[in-house]
Amino acid sequence: MGRAAEFFTPVLTRRCHVPAVISLSASRDGSDRFAASWPAKAWATLAALSKGAYLLIGTAPRAVYLPVSQWGLPLLRDVFLIALAKVVNSTTVLHLHGAQLPARLARSRALRTLLGGAHWIVLSEAVAHQLRVSGCRTASVTVLRNPAPPAAPSSKEPVSCRVLRVGWIGTMSRVKGFDLVCGAVETLKRQGVGVEFRVAGMRHDVPLPQMACVDEDLGVLDLSDVLAFWSGLDAFVLPARWVEGLPFVLLEGLQAGCAVAATPSPGSAELFGQGCVEPVEPSVASVSGFLAACADDLEGIRRRQQKAWDALRPRYESDRIEEEFVRFWRDLDLEWQQ
């Protein structure tokens, strides 16, 4: 669930009367720059399974809320917990913070059977449509966006007065396209375009030589430092090779007034459809083209994107998302009482 847990878990415990919360995250053993090891991930999976099984068997709760994973070992863990919830007759609520699982459901009859009958919370109408046509039986499908974070203090200046400040925050990996942004920055620097590249987050599968294009590596930031990071950027690109959900980094970039680009995704379809985010392909040439356009007309791109974002922003306000989340649980509670 990642960043979303920082928002939804407190709401659950504060307003939805949750008796227990089980962490699904693996420890990174104190390392600020690298993802958790496979043994740590396996241990976290086993711990979550054992705690979840003990809770389900021992208390048979009326409902189980699960931020469902989309692949690999975490998905196997979630399938087991969902099956166990069915055995003890608990209602299952699956919160999908991605956009890849509906396609997997459409291809796998076994997966549709195992996940069938749950209440689903998804990121957009596009993901909701894909889930409905996947063939998976659902009790309900509710669209609930990720909340936009507080706006960052802006220190934007005309790019002609200085270099273009490009940033990356989050896991540095090939699937997210970090190497493509590196290649684009190197391309612009070779062409004589003034570019600064600042990064923050965990390194996953990025070789050290590839980090040569980075002007400043801040490691993993505390949440209190994230706003300051965004305030010093002009442009952000997420040219993911996989299907993203609704990344918080896109919302943060828009809130900070950056020029934002990413590969289109059903989870973020609303942002792309309204023109808040520039679509790019997962290639160095496409990312380079966007950054070059920013160097030429940063204010024009910002102005166009911010006008579109201003129209959508109320739908992503954190107070509104919280109330919609709480309303979902109240409606479910009324359904149980009938």
C-alpha atoms as a PDB file:
ATOM      1  CA  MET A   1       0.000   0.000   0.000  1.00  0.00           C
ATOM      2  CA  GLY A   2       3.027   2.244   0.494  1.00  0.00           C
ATOM      3  CA  ARG A   3       2.276   5.935   0.789  1.00  0.00           C
ATOM      4  CA  ALA A   4      -1.473   5.323   0.871  1.00  0.00           C
ATOM      5  CA  ALA A   5      -1.108   3.558   4.238  1.00  0.00           C
ATOM      6  CA  GLU A   6       0.094   6.810   5.763  1.00  0.00           C
ATOM      7  CA  PHE A   7      -3.324   8.299   4.974  1.00  0.00           C
ATOM      8  CA  PHE A   8      -5.864   5.472   5.126  1.00  0.00           C
ATOM      9  CA  THR A   9      -4.574   3.534   8.153  1.00  0.00           C
ATOM     10  CA  PRO A  10      -5.023   6.441  10.604  1.00  0.00           C
ATOM     11  CA  VAL A  11      -8.511   7.069   9.201  1.00  0.00           C
ATOM     12  CA  LEU A  12      -9.396   3.411   9.750  1.00  0.00           C
ATOM     13  CA  THR A  13      -8.173   3.358  13.321  1.00  0.00           C
ATOM     14  CA  ARG A  14      -9.574   6.791  14.220  1.00  0.00           C
ATOM     15  CA  ARG A  15     -13.002   6.696  12.599  1.00  0.00           C
ATOM     16  CA  CYS A  16     -13.860   3.137  11.568  1.00  0.00           C
ATOM     17  CA  HIS A  17     -13.364   1.231  14.852  1.00  0.00           C
ATOM     18  CA  VAL A  18     -10.718  -1.205  13.645  1.00  0.00           C
ATOM     19  CA  PRO A  19      -9.695  -3.676  16.404  1.00  0.00           C
ATOM     20  CA  ALA A  20      -6.347  -4.644  14.861  1.00  0.00           C
ATOM     21  CA  VAL A  21      -3.916  -3.546  12.143  1.00  0.00           C
ATOM     22  CA  ILE A  22      -1.288  -5.918  10.740  1.00  0.00           C
ATOM     23  CA  SER A  23       1.749  -4.424   9.023  1.00  0.00           C
ATOM     24  CA  LEU A  24       2.572  -5.909   5.624  1.00  0.00           C
ATOM     25  CA  SER A  25       5.851  -4.002   5.184  1.00  0.00           C
ATOM     26  CA  ALA A  26       9.345  -5.475   5.361  1.00  0.00           C
ATOM     27  CA  SER A  27      12.103  -3.841   7.365  1.00  0.00           C
ATOM     28  CA  ARG A  28      15.018  -2.367   5.450  1.00  0.00           C
ATOM     29  CA  ASP A  29      17.354  -3.072   8.374  1.00  0.00           C
ATOM     30  CA  GLY A  30      18.182   0.580   8.917  1.00  0.00           C
ATOM     31  CA  SER A  31      19.355   1.193   5.344  1.00  0.00           C
ATOM     32  CA  ASP A  32      18.119   4.514   3.985  1.00  0.00           C
ATOM     33  CA  ARG A  33      19.056   3.976   0.354  1.00  0.00           C
ATOM     34  CA  PHE A  34      18.184   0.404  -0.564  1.00  0.00           C
ATOM     35  CA  ALA A  35      15.015  -1.671  -0.702  1.00  0.00           C
ATOM     36  CA  ALA A  36      14.383  -4.505   1.740  1.00  0.00           C
ATOM     37  CA  SER A  37      16.211  -7.772   1.049  1.00  0.00           C
ATOM     38  CA  TRP A  38      14.355 -10.867  -0.152  1.00  0.00           C
ATOM     39  CA  PRO A  39      14.808 -12.616   3.236  1.00  0.00           C
ATOM     40  CA  ALA A  40      13.277  -9.570   4.925  1.00  0.00           C
ATOM     41  CA  LYS A  41      10.358  -9.602   2.493  1.00  0.00           C
ATOM     42  CA  ALA A  42       9.815 -13.332   3.016  1.00  0.00           C
ATOM     43  CA  TRP A  43       9.921 -12.909   6.782  1.00  0.00           C
ATOM     44  CA  ALA A  44       7.412 -10.033   6.626  1.00  0.00           C
ATOM     45  CA  THR A  45       5.128 -12.185   4.462  1.00  0.00           C
ATOM     46  CA  LEU A  46       5.240 -15.095   6.913  1.00  0.00           C
ATOM     47  CA  ALA A  47       4.677 -12.756   9.850  1.00  0.00           C
ATOM     48  CA  ALA A  48       1.639 -11.183   8.180  1.00  0.00           C
ATOM     49  CA  LEU A  49       0.241 -14.622   7.316  1.00  0.00           C
ATOM     50  CA  SER A  50       0.620 -15.953  10.835  1.00  0.00           C
ATOM     51  CA  LYS A  51      -0.811 -12.837  12.495  1.00  0.00           C
ATOM     52  CA  GLY A  52      -3.657 -12.644  10.000  1.00  0.00           C
ATOM     53  CA  ALA A  53      -4.549 -16.316  10.402  1.00  0.00           C
ATOM     54  CA  TYR A  54      -4.462 -16.036  14.207  1.00  0.00           C
ATOM     55  CA  LEU A  55      -6.731 -12.982  14.130  1.00  0.00           C
ATOM     56  CA  LEU A  56      -9.199 -14.444  11.636  1.00  0.00           C
ATOM     57  CA  ILE A  57      -9.506 -17.805  13.344  1.00  0.00           C
ATOM     58  CA  GLY A  58      -9.516 -16.384  16.856  1.00  0.00           C
ATOM     59  CA  THR A  59     -11.989 -13.516  16.407  1.00  0.00           C
ATOM     60  CA  ALA A  60     -13.847 -14.133  13.098  1.00  0.00           C
ATOM     61  CA  PRO A  61     -14.212 -10.381  12.457  1.00  0.00           C
ATOM     62  CA  ARG A  62     -17.233  -9.076  10.588  1.00  0.00           C
ATOM     63  CA  ALA A  63     -14.987  -7.616   7.880  1.00  0.00           C
ATOM     64  CA  VAL A  64     -11.392  -7.757   6.683  1.00  0.00           C
ATOM     65  CA  TYR A  65      -9.885  -4.724   4.945  1.00  0.00           C
ATOM     66  CA  LEU A  66      -6.938  -5.637   2.728  1.00  0.00           C
ATOM     67  CA  PRO A  67      -4.839  -3.385   0.451  1.00  0.00           C
ATOM     68  CA  VAL A  68      -4.565  -6.128  -2.144  1.00  0.00           C
ATOM     69  CA  SER A  69      -1.295  -6.743  -3.962  1.00  0.00           C
ATOM     70  CA  GLN A  70      -1.077  -7.377  -7.701  1.00  0.00           C
ATOM     71  CA  TRP A  71       1.574 -10.042  -8.240  1.00  0.00           C
ATOM     72  CA  GLY A  72       4.137 -12.382  -6.748  1.00  0.00           C
ATOM     73  CA  LEU A  73       4.521 -13.480  -3.152  1.00  0.00           C
ATOM     74  CA  PRO A  74       2.422 -10.622  -1.724  1.00  0.00           C
ATOM     75  CA  LEU A  75      -0.532 -11.623  -3.929  1.00  0.00           C
ATOM     76  CA  LEU A  76      -0.221 -15.251  -2.793  1.00  0.00           C
ATOM     77  CA  ARG A  77      -0.262 -14.010   0.807  1.00  0.00           C
ATOM     78  CA  ASP A  78      -3.401 -11.955   0.132  1.00  0.00           C
ATOM     79  CA  VAL A  79      -5.168 -14.830  -1.644  1.00  0.00           C
ATOM     80  CA  PHE A  80      -4.572 -17.041   1.399  1.00  0.00           C
ATOM     81  CA  LEU A  81      -5.951 -14.408   3.782  1.00  0.00           C
ATOM     82  CA  ILE A  82      -8.986 -13.828   1.535  1.00  0.00           C
ATOM     83  CA  ALA A  83      -9.708 -17.565   1.406  1.00  0.00           C
ATOM     84  CA  LEU A  84      -9.427 -17.777   5.190  1.00  0.00           C
ATOM     85  CA  ALA A  85     -11.762 -14.783   5.579  1.00  0.00           C
ATOM     86  CA  LYS A  86     -14.347 -16.634   3.485  1.00  0.00           C
ATOM     87  CA  VAL A  87     -13.996 -19.711   5.670  1.00  0.00           C
ATOM     88  CA  VAL A  88     -14.802 -17.725   8.833  1.00  0.00           C
ATOM     89  CA  ASN A  89     -17.580 -15.840   6.982  1.00  0.00           C
ATOM     90  CA  SER A  90     -15.939 -12.405   7.127  1.00  0.00           C
ATOM     91  CA  THR A  91     -16.791  -9.776   4.529  1.00  0.00           C
ATOM     92  CA  THR A  92     -13.706  -8.943   2.434  1.00  0.00           C
ATOM     93  CA  VAL A  93     -12.927  -5.392   1.348  1.00  0.00           C
ATOM     94  CA  LEU A  94     -10.089  -5.166  -1.181  1.00  0.00           C
ATOM     95  CA  HIS A  95      -8.464  -1.760  -1.712  1.00  0.00           C
ATOM     96  CA  LEU A  96      -6.660  -1.813  -5.069  1.00  0.00           C
ATOM     97  CA  HIS A  97      -3.944   0.838  -5.244  1.00  0.00           C
ATOM     98  CA  GLY A  98      -2.785  -0.184  -8.693  1.00  0.00           C
ATOM     99  CA  ALA A  99      -4.185  -0.851 -12.143  1.00  0.00           C
ATOM    100  CA  GLN A 100      -2.642  -4.174 -13.211  1.00  0.00           C
ATOM    101  CA  LEU A 101      -4.775  -6.672 -11.306  1.00  0.00           C
ATOM    102  CA  PRO A 102      -7.955  -6.421 -13.463  1.00  0.00           C
ATOM    103  CA  ALA A 103      -6.005  -7.634 -16.508  1.00  0.00           C
ATOM    104  CA  ARG A 104      -4.633 -10.557 -14.488  1.00  0.00           C
ATOM    105  CA  LEU A 105      -8.150 -11.397 -13.337  1.00  0.00           C
ATOM    106  CA  ALA A 106      -9.381 -11.390 -16.938  1.00  0.00           C
ATOM    107  CA  ARG A 107      -6.677 -13.927 -17.866  1.00  0.00           C
ATOM    108  CA  SER A 108      -7.017 -16.225 -14.839  1.00  0.00           C
ATOM    109  CA  ARG A 109     -10.224 -18.051 -13.975  1.00  0.00           C
ATOM    110  CA  ALA A 110      -8.611 -19.408 -10.797  1.00  0.00           C
ATOM    111  CA  LEU A 111      -7.727 -15.922  -9.604  1.00  0.00           C
ATOM    112  CA  ARG A 112     -11.251 -14.689 -10.366  1.00  0.00           C
ATOM    113  CA  THR A 113     -12.659 -17.516  -8.277  1.00  0.00           C
ATOM    114  CA  LEU A 114     -10.321 -16.885  -5.354  1.00  0.00           C
ATOM    115  CA  LEU A 115     -10.958 -13.116  -5.282  1.00  0.00           C
ATOM    116  CA  GLY A 116     -14.619 -13.283  -6.232  1.00  0.00           C
ATOM    117  CA  GLY A 117     -17.370 -11.863  -4.048  1.00  0.00           C
ATOM    118  CA  ALA A 118     -15.378  -9.091  -2.390  1.00  0.00           C
ATOM    119  CA  HIS A 119     -16.158  -5.404  -2.073  1.00  0.00           C
ATOM    120  CA  TRP A 120     -13.583  -3.431  -4.097  1.00  0.00           C
ATOM    121  CA  ILE A 121     -12.219   0.094  -3.708  1.00  0.00           C
ATOM    122  CA  VAL A 122     -10.382   1.292  -6.828  1.00  0.00           C
ATOM    123  CA  LEU A 123      -8.626   4.459  -8.012  1.00  0.00           C
ATOM    124  CA  SER A 124     -10.671   5.561 -11.013  1.00  0.00           C
ATOM    125  CA  GLU A 125     -13.673   4.898 -13.199  1.00  0.00           C
ATOM    126  CA  ALA A 126     -11.312   3.395 -15.783  1.00  0.00           C
ATOM    127  CA  VAL A 127     -10.034   0.787 -13.301  1.00  0.00           C
ATOM    128  CA  ALA A 128     -13.608   0.158 -12.122  1.00  0.00           C
ATOM    129  CA  HIS A 129     -14.654  -0.567 -15.715  1.00  0.00           C
ATOM    130  CA  GLN A 130     -11.726  -2.941 -16.256  1.00  0.00           C
ATOM    131  CA  LEU A 131     -12.605  -4.782 -13.042  1.00  0.00           C
ATOM    132  CA  ARG A 132     -16.258  -5.128 -14.006  1.00  0.00           C
ATOM    133  CA  VAL A 133     -15.460  -6.551 -17.459  1.00  0.00           C
ATOM    134  CA  SER A 134     -12.734  -8.877 -16.128  1.00  0.00           C
ATOM    135  CA  GLY A 135     -15.337 -11.500 -15.245  1.00  0.00           C
ATOM    136  CA  CYS A 136     -14.544 -11.379 -11.532  1.00  0.00           C
ATOM    137  CA  ARG A 137     -17.693 -11.470  -9.373  1.00  0.00           C
ATOM    138  CA  THR A 138     -17.853  -8.419  -7.093  1.00  0.00           C
ATOM    139  CA  ALA A 139     -20.130  -7.449  -4.206  1.00  0.00           C
ATOM    140  CA  SER A 140     -19.542  -3.774  -5.044  1.00  0.00           C
ATOM    141  CA  VAL A 141     -17.026  -1.517  -6.761  1.00  0.00           C
ATOM    142  CA  THR A 142     -16.334   1.935  -5.286  1.00  0.00           C
ATOM    143  CA  VAL A 143     -14.115   4.605  -6.843  1.00  0.00           C
ATOM    144  CA  LEU A 144     -11.960   6.373  -4.258  1.00  0.00           C
ATOM    145  CA  ARG A 145      -9.073   8.543  -5.411  1.00  0.00           C
ATOM    146  CA  ASN A 146      -5.794   8.938  -3.587  1.00  0.00           C
ATOM    147  CA  PRO A 147      -5.701  12.249  -1.690  1.00  0.00           C
ATOM    148  CA  ALA A 148      -3.555  15.138  -2.852  1.00  0.00           C
ATOM    149  CA  PRO A 149      -0.954  16.111  -0.223  1.00  0.00           C
ATOM    150  CA  PRO A 150      -0.629  19.673   1.088  1.00  0.00           C
ATOM    151  CA  ALA A 151       0.619  22.096  -1.545  1.00  0.00           C
ATOM    152  CA  ALA A 152       4.353  22.765  -1.487  1.00  0.00           C
ATOM    153  CA  PRO A 153       5.591  26.341  -1.107  1.00  0.00           C
ATOM    154  CA  SER A 154       6.474  27.483  -4.614  1.00  0.00           C
ATOM    155  CA  SER A 155       9.793  29.093  -5.514  1.00  0.00           C
ATOM    156  CA  LYS A 156       9.378  28.875  -9.275  1.00  0.00           C
ATOM    157  CA  GLU A 157      11.399  31.278 -11.389  1.00  0.00           C
ATOM    158  CA  PRO A 158      11.658  31.650 -15.175  1.00  0.00           C
ATOM    159  CA  VAL A 159      13.837  28.780 -16.356  1.00  0.00           C
ATOM    160  CA  SER A 160      15.698  31.115 -18.732  1.00  0.00           C
ATOM    161  CA  CYS A 161      17.394  32.652 -15.677  1.00  0.00           C
ATOM    162  CA  ARG A 162      18.948  29.373 -14.573  1.00  0.00           C
ATOM    163  CA  VAL A 163      19.055  25.651 -15.244  1.00  0.00           C
ATOM    164  CA  LEU A 164      16.037  23.359 -15.515  1.00  0.00           C
ATOM    165  CA  ARG A 165      15.624  21.628 -12.148  1.00  0.00           C
ATOM    166  CA  VAL A 166      14.558  18.016 -12.735  1.00  0.00           C
ATOM    167  CA  GLY A 167      13.717  15.742  -9.817  1.00  0.00           C
ATOM    168  CA  TRP A 168      12.947  12.164  -8.893  1.00  0.00           C
ATOM    169  CA  ILE A 169      11.442  10.945  -5.632  1.00  0.00           C
ATOM    170  CA  GLY A 170      10.571   7.352  -4.835  1.00  0.00           C
ATOM    171  CA  THR A 171      12.087   3.968  -5.649  1.00  0.00           C
ATOM    172  CA  MET A 172      14.810   4.167  -8.300  1.00  0.00           C
ATOM    173  CA  SER A 173      14.102   1.173 -10.524  1.00  0.00           C
ATOM    174  CA  ARG A 174      13.865   0.192 -14.174  1.00  0.00           C
ATOM    175  CA  VAL A 175      10.173  -0.684 -13.976  1.00  0.00           C
ATOM    176  CA  LYS A 176       9.459   2.892 -12.891  1.00  0.00           C
ATOM    177  CA  GLY A 177      11.721   4.233 -15.647  1.00  0.00           C
ATOM    178  CA  PHE A 178      14.414   5.832 -13.503  1.00  0.00           C
ATOM    179  CA  ASP A 179      17.093   4.790 -16.004  1.00  0.00           C
ATOM    180  CA  LEU A 180      15.124   6.529 -18.777  1.00  0.00           C
ATOM    181  CA  VAL A 181      15.097   9.807 -16.869  1.00  0.00           C
ATOM    182  CA  CYS A 182      18.846   9.428 -16.291  1.00  0.00           C
ATOM    183  CA  GLY A 183      19.366   8.879 -20.014  1.00  0.00           C
ATOM    184  CA  ALA A 184      17.244  11.918 -20.877  1.00  0.00           C
ATOM    185  CA  VAL A 185      19.141  14.149 -18.441  1.00  0.00           C
ATOM    186  CA  GLU A 186      22.448  12.977 -19.902  1.00  0.00           C
ATOM    187  CA  THR A 187      21.144  13.678 -23.422  1.00  0.00           C
ATOM    188  CA  LEU A 188      20.189  17.259 -22.546  1.00  0.00           C
ATOM    189  CA  LYS A 189      23.485  17.888 -20.783  1.00  0.00           C
ATOM    190  CA  ARG A 190      25.407  16.675 -23.859  1.00  0.00           C
ATOM    191  CA  GLN A 191      23.333  19.077 -25.962  1.00  0.00           C
ATOM    192  CA  GLY A 192      24.375  21.974 -23.745  1.00  0.00           C
ATOM    193  CA  VAL A 193      21.015  22.421 -22.010  1.00  0.00           C
ATOM    194  CA  GLY A 194      21.394  23.548 -18.412  1.00  0.00           C
ATOM    195  CA  VAL A 195      19.911  20.776 -16.244  1.00  0.00           C
ATOM    196  CA  GLU A 196      20.202  19.863 -12.576  1.00  0.00           C
ATOM    197  CA  PHE A 197      19.027  16.420 -11.463  1.00  0.00           C
ATOM    198  CA  ARG A 198      18.154  15.837  -7.798  1.00  0.00           C
ATOM    199  CA  VAL A 199      16.893  12.508  -6.512  1.00  0.00           C
ATOM    200  CA  ALA A 200      15.489  11.134  -3.272  1.00  0.00           C
ATOM    201  CA  GLY A 201      14.385   7.613  -2.412  1.00  0.00           C
ATOM    202  CA  MET A 202      15.546   4.009  -2.344  1.00  0.00           C
ATOM    203  CA  ARG A 203      17.823   2.502  -4.968  1.00  0.00           C
ATOM    204  CA  HIS A 204      16.520  -0.820  -6.227  1.00  0.00           C
ATOM    205  CA  ASP A 205      18.194  -2.104  -9.404  1.00  0.00           C
ATOM    206  CA  VAL A 206      20.185   0.969 -10.421  1.00  0.00           C
ATOM    207  CA  PRO A 207      23.921   0.331 -10.995  1.00  0.00           C
ATOM    208  CA  LEU A 208      26.259   2.894  -9.505  1.00  0.00           C
ATOM    209  CA  PRO A 209      27.614   4.145 -12.886  1.00  0.00           C
ATOM    210  CA  GLN A 210      24.083   5.138 -13.879  1.00  0.00           C
ATOM    211  CA  MET A 211      23.965   7.511 -10.928  1.00  0.00           C
ATOM    212  CA  ALA A 212      26.681   9.642 -12.561  1.00  0.00           C
ATOM    213  CA  CYS A 213      24.042  11.926 -14.087  1.00  0.00           C
ATOM    214  CA  VAL A 214      22.665  12.745 -10.608  1.00  0.00           C
ATOM    215  CA  ASP A 215      23.778  16.101  -9.227  1.00  0.00           C
ATOM    216  CA  GLU A 216      22.409  15.500  -5.713  1.00  0.00           C
ATOM    217  CA  ASP A 217      21.259  12.270  -4.042  1.00  0.00           C
ATOM    218  CA  LEU A 218      19.346  12.958  -0.824  1.00  0.00           C
ATOM    219  CA  GLY A 219      18.561   9.351   0.086  1.00  0.00           C
ATOM    220  CA  VAL A 220      15.237   8.550   1.745  1.00  0.00           C
ATOM    221  CA  LEU A 221      13.588  11.709   3.037  1.00  0.00           C
ATOM    222  CA  ASP A 222      11.509  12.162   6.150  1.00  0.00           C
ATOM    223  CA  LEU A 223       7.959  13.225   5.378  1.00  0.00           C
ATOM    224  CA  SER A 224       8.740  16.621   6.900  1.00  0.00           C
ATOM    225  CA  ASP A 225      11.364  17.197   4.173  1.00  0.00           C
ATOM    226  CA  VAL A 226       9.258  16.182   1.163  1.00  0.00           C
ATOM    227  CA  LEU A 227       7.578  19.574   0.663  1.00  0.00           C
ATOM    228  CA  ALA A 228      10.932  21.343   0.605  1.00  0.00           C
ATOM    229  CA  PHE A 229      12.196  18.853  -1.998  1.00  0.00           C
ATOM    230  CA  TRP A 230       9.286  19.571  -4.342  1.00  0.00           C
ATOM    231  CA  SER A 231       9.555  23.327  -3.902  1.00  0.00           C
ATOM    232  CA  GLY A 232      13.004  23.217  -5.514  1.00  0.00           C
ATOM    233  CA  LEU A 233      11.932  21.420  -8.710  1.00  0.00           C
ATOM    234  CA  ASP A 234      10.666  22.510 -12.121  1.00  0.00           C
ATOM    235  CA  ALA A 235       9.881  19.169 -13.773  1.00  0.00           C
ATOM    236  CA  PHE A 236       9.111  15.585 -12.814  1.00  0.00           C
ATOM    237  CA  VAL A 237       8.746  12.553 -15.122  1.00  0.00           C
ATOM    238  CA  LEU A 238       7.570   9.022 -14.290  1.00  0.00           C
ATOM    239  CA  PRO A 239       8.067   6.997 -17.512  1.00  0.00           C
ATOM    240  CA  ALA A 240       7.069   3.671 -15.940  1.00  0.00           C
ATOM    241  CA  ARG A 241       7.393   0.468 -17.946  1.00  0.00           C
ATOM    242  CA  TRP A 242       4.575  -1.121 -15.964  1.00  0.00           C
ATOM    243  CA  VAL A 243       1.018   0.024 -15.384  1.00  0.00           C
ATOM    244  CA  GLU A 244       1.019   2.449 -12.470  1.00  0.00           C
ATOM    245  CA  GLY A 245      -1.951   3.207 -10.238  1.00  0.00           C
ATOM    246  CA  LEU A 246      -2.416   6.788  -9.081  1.00  0.00           C
ATOM    247  CA  PRO A 247       1.070   7.627  -7.775  1.00  0.00           C
ATOM    248  CA  PHE A 248       1.273  10.159  -4.973  1.00  0.00           C
ATOM    249  CA  VAL A 249       4.304  11.657  -6.731  1.00  0.00           C
ATOM    250  CA  LEU A 250       2.107  12.876  -9.600  1.00  0.00           C
ATOM    251  CA  LEU A 251      -0.237  14.582  -7.144  1.00  0.00           C
ATOM    252  CA  GLU A 252       2.684  16.063  -5.221  1.00  0.00           C
ATOM    253  CA  GLY A 253       4.267  17.380  -8.408  1.00  0.00           C
ATOM    254  CA  LEU A 254       1.025  19.063  -9.456  1.00  0.00           C
ATOM    255  CA  GLN A 255       0.537  20.534  -5.994  1.00  0.00           C
ATOM    256  CA  ALA A 256       4.058  21.948  -6.169  1.00  0.00           C
ATOM    257  CA  GLY A 257       3.420  23.584  -9.550  1.00  0.00           C
ATOM    258  CA  CYS A 258       5.922  21.416 -11.424  1.00  0.00           C
ATOM    259  CA  ALA A 259       5.604  20.396 -15.051  1.00  0.00           C
ATOM    260  CA  VAL A 260       4.617  16.720 -14.762  1.00  0.00           C
ATOM    261  CA  ALA A 261       4.761  13.864 -17.270  1.00  0.00           C
ATOM    262  CA  ALA A 262       4.197  10.119 -17.011  1.00  0.00           C
ATOM    263  CA  THR A 263       3.191   7.082 -19.022  1.00  0.00           C
ATOM    264  CA  PRO A 264      -0.626   6.923 -19.204  1.00  0.00           C
ATOM    265  CA  SER A 265      -2.376   4.604 -16.765  1.00  0.00           C
ATOM    266  CA  PRO A 266      -6.014   3.649 -16.055  1.00  0.00           C
ATOM    267  CA  GLY A 267      -5.421   4.569 -12.416  1.00  0.00           C
ATOM    268  CA  SER A 268      -4.487   8.116 -13.398  1.00  0.00           C
ATOM    269  CA  ALA A 269      -6.807   8.343 -16.411  1.00  0.00           C
ATOM    270  CA  GLU A 270      -8.609  11.391 -15.042  1.00  0.00           C
ATOM    271  CA  LEU A 271      -5.375  13.371 -14.730  1.00  0.00           C
ATOM    272  CA  PHE A 272      -4.338  12.544 -18.285  1.00  0.00           C
ATOM    273  CA  GLY A 273      -7.807  13.048 -19.722  1.00  0.00           C
ATOM    274  CA  GLN A 274      -8.106  16.565 -18.300  1.00  0.00           C
ATOM    275  CA  GLY A 275      -4.560  17.574 -19.326  1.00  0.00           C
ATOM    276  CA  CYS A 276      -3.011  17.781 -15.834  1.00  0.00           C
ATOM    277  CA  VAL A 277      -0.183  15.395 -16.758  1.00  0.00           C
ATOM    278  CA  GLU A 278       1.723  15.194 -20.046  1.00  0.00           C
ATOM    279  CA  PRO A 279       1.778  11.684 -21.572  1.00  0.00           C
ATOM    280  CA  VAL A 280       5.185  10.244 -22.457  1.00  0.00           C
ATOM    281  CA  GLU A 281       6.372   6.872 -23.716  1.00  0.00           C
ATOM    282  CA  PRO A 282       8.820   4.752 -21.679  1.00  0.00           C
ATOM    283  CA  SER A 283      11.818   5.742 -23.802  1.00  0.00           C
ATOM    284  CA  VAL A 284      14.781   8.091 -23.474  1.00  0.00           C
ATOM    285  CA  ALA A 285      13.715   9.948 -26.640  1.00  0.00           C
ATOM    286  CA  SER A 286      10.215  10.649 -25.308  1.00  0.00           C
ATOM    287  CA  VAL A 287      11.430  11.806 -21.888  1.00  0.00           C
ATOM    288  CA  SER A 288      14.127  13.938 -23.533  1.00  0.00           C
ATOM    289  CA  GLY A 289      11.488  15.557 -25.713  1.00  0.00           C
ATOM    290  CA  PHE A 290       9.385  16.497 -22.699  1.00  0.00           C
ATOM    291  CA  LEU A 291      12.338  17.927 -20.773  1.00  0.00           C
ATOM    292  CA  ALA A 292      13.500  19.858 -23.838  1.00  0.00           C
ATOM    293  CA  ALA A 293       9.988  21.316 -24.157  1.00  0.00           C
ATOM    294  CA  CYS A 294      10.194  22.339 -20.491  1.00  0.00           C
ATOM    295  CA  ALA A 295      13.507  24.061 -21.109  1.00  0.00           C
ATOM    296  CA  ASP A 296      11.932  25.983 -24.006  1.00  0.00           C
ATOM    297  CA  ASP A 297       8.539  26.852 -22.498  1.00  0.00           C
ATOM    298  CA  LEU A 298       8.317  25.813 -18.860  1.00  0.00           C
ATOM    299  CA  GLU A 299       5.845  28.533 -17.919  1.00  0.00           C
ATOM    300  CA  GLY A 300       3.495  27.613 -20.767  1.00  0.00           C
ATOM    301  CA  ILE A 301       3.433  23.934 -19.746  1.00  0.00           C
ATOM    302  CA  ARG A 302       2.960  24.820 -16.089  1.00  0.00           C
ATOM    303  CA  ARG A 303       0.163  27.255 -16.851  1.00  0.00           C
ATOM    304  CA  ARG A 304      -1.735  24.733 -18.969  1.00  0.00           C
ATOM    305  CA  GLN A 305      -1.356  21.896 -16.469  1.00  0.00           C
ATOM    306  CA  GLN A 306      -2.190  24.020 -13.437  1.00  0.00           C
ATOM    307  CA  LYS A 307      -5.373  25.320 -15.070  1.00  0.00           C
ATOM    308  CA  ALA A 308      -6.502  21.727 -15.593  1.00  0.00           C
ATOM    309  CA  TRP A 309      -5.415  20.710 -12.090  1.00  0.00           C
ATOM    310  CA  ASP A 310      -7.310  23.604 -10.492  1.00  0.00           C
ATOM    311  CA  ALA A 311     -10.511  22.203 -11.989  1.00  0.00           C
ATOM    312  CA  LEU A 312      -9.848  18.692 -10.625  1.00  0.00           C
ATOM    313  CA  ARG A 313      -8.205  19.562  -7.319  1.00  0.00           C
ATOM    314  CA  PRO A 314     -11.427  19.583  -5.207  1.00  0.00           C
ATOM    315  CA  ARG A 315     -12.012  15.892  -6.039  1.00  0.00           C
ATOM    316  CA  TYR A 316      -8.628  15.044  -4.522  1.00  0.00           C
ATOM    317  CA  GLU A 317      -8.844  17.075  -1.304  1.00  0.00           C
ATOM    318  CA  SER A 318      -7.836  14.915   1.652  1.00  0.00           C
ATOM    319  CA  ASP A 319     -10.896  15.878   3.733  1.00  0.00           C
ATOM    320  CA  ARG A 320     -13.200  14.857   0.896  1.00  0.00           C
ATOM    321  CA  ILE A 321     -11.404  11.527   0.386  1.00  0.00           C
ATOM    322  CA  GLU A 322     -11.554  10.807   4.122  1.00  0.00           C
ATOM    323  CA  GLU A 323     -15.292  11.456   4.234  1.00  0.00           C
ATOM    324  CA  GLU A 324     -15.887   9.250   1.186  1.00  0.00           C
ATOM    325  CA  PHE A 325     -13.835   6.461   2.794  1.00  0.00           C
ATOM    326  CA  VAL A 326     -15.761   6.706   6.065  1.00  0.00           C
ATOM    327  CA  ARG A 327     -19.056   6.841   4.159  1.00  0.00           C
ATOM    328  CA  PHE A 328     -18.149   3.577   2.419  1.00  0.00           C
ATOM    329  CA  TRP A 329     -17.782   1.848   5.784  1.00  0.00           C
ATOM    330  CA  ARG A 330     -20.976   3.363   7.166  1.00  0.00           C
ATOM    331  CA  ASP A 331     -22.913   2.170   4.121  1.00  0.00           C
ATOM    332  CA  LEU A 332     -21.401  -1.282   4.561  1.00  0.00           C
ATOM    333  CA  ASP A 333     -22.386  -1.263   8.231  1.00  0.00           C
ATOM    334  CA  LEU A 334     -25.981  -0.375   7.278  1.00  0.00           C
ATOM    335  CA  GLU A 335     -25.950  -3.274   4.814  1.00  0.00           C
ATOM    336  CA  TRP A 336     -24.910  -5.661   7.609  1.00  0.00           C
ATOM    337  CA  GLN A 337     -27.728  -4.425   9.836  1.00  0.00           C
ATOM    338  CA  GLN A 338     -30.414  -5.108   7.244  1.00  0.00           C
END
